[in-house]
């Protein structure tokens, strides 16, 4: 009894090259029956052998290493380059970049339903962190509408720092284009801290009410003292429904942008900003508001009417005494979104999103530990004014000194009966120490107009106007600072359903 195997024939060009072996039963061994060495075509270049389908195979060890690096946020091309470096060159790698993508897709196909896989992953995480809280809701067809989760560390952070809550939605962070809602606050190092996260398929009032209810349940019923949002129409209703006793504040940056788009006058926007941020008594605010509205003739605009009705949640005059831990804008949320974007990509499915998002939280918590070490290991520091405030005081003192010098010089000129200088030198005399000021302040030097003195204006009063402008600029620098700690219709596939 014999069995035959034909190895290596090239049928495309009817090549006679072949290698035939037969198994001989009575000897129990394989025997070479035929070997034709000659070819009727050129042999394949050794450099191209690795591209043959029969040679392209990814070892299990390489696949495991690829998945570990992918979970760490390394891109597939960079992983391929690293594996090629380990092998001593790309020619020594037995697979291509396309084969790596195919391996990832093959592994994903083994997961029955992306939403189920995400819930299974959170369930496994709960076995490690017993305090982890997660919930989800589905629609009538079984499609996931919202998924909320927060781990035990987030719950501890909320217990300590949860008096002020900020939340905003970021978009295009997963392949379903689902909005990602992050609930955040600020810790004792003035760093952004995450209290909870959610993926939603729509931003309806019903879904947001459900999200805040889940946050309240996860935090054992503790409601925030104050909440700041971007001013989405549904937010006010949702906050009043779930957190009826919380103080709600609208983001100042969004309001100023809306003022520009609705009125279209930069001078109005400037005055609106002063009305909003000015620490006035309510009577003074009312006077300034109606004066501004009358000056620009915008009393009939719907946006103006709506803003006045909402003045209790955006005007500093009306929210004085309410605790917002320095929040004026949702810039911390946007800063956090920029950090999240470094860990997740728009093509990620649910599981691929949740895993790197966890690594993002780990990074933020490491920064807190780092700040803890710096605070306990360094020398205690007394209060030091910011560089901008120091610059203001330096400029103010220097300019006041120069004004006194001008007064003295003017008196001396009058005493000796000095004649008028030429028009360039007399009408406007530049500060003789301007160059020195710029070197000391690293800012644009301030010119002093001599006419202020010659025309009898009180130079001290004029300086008061300059000082007030600088002080106002200093006080509002926090508002304009964008926190760095922290800058479509949805198509749901079948695998997104539960």
Foldseek 3Di string as FASTA:
>chain_A
DKDKDKPDDDPPVDWPAIWMWMQDVVVRDIGTDDGDDDTPDDDDDLLCPLVDPVQADDDPVLLVVQVVVVLVVDDLVVSLVVVQVVLVHNSSHSHDSVVSVVVVVVVVVVDQFLQVVLVVVQVVVCVVQVLKDKDWDADPVQFTFKIKIDTPVLLVQCVPFVQEWEKDWDFLQEQQRWTKIWIWGADPVRFIATNIIMTGQDDDLVVLLVRLVSSCVSNVNDDHQEYEYQPDPSVVVSCCVNPVNHQYAHALVSVLVVVCVQLVDVVLSVLVSCLQPPQDAPVVSVVSLVVSCVVSVCPPPPVSVVCVVVSCRGRNNNCPPRDNPPDRHSLLVVLQVVLLCSQTHSHHGSNSSVSSVVVSNVVSVVVVVVVVCCVVVDDDDDDDDDLLVVLLVLLLVVVVVQVVVLVVVVVVCVVVVPDADPPVCHQFPFRPCQVVSCVVSVDHGDGDGSVCVVVPHDVVVVSVVVSVVSVVVVVCPVSPDRDNVNHDNGDDDPSSGD
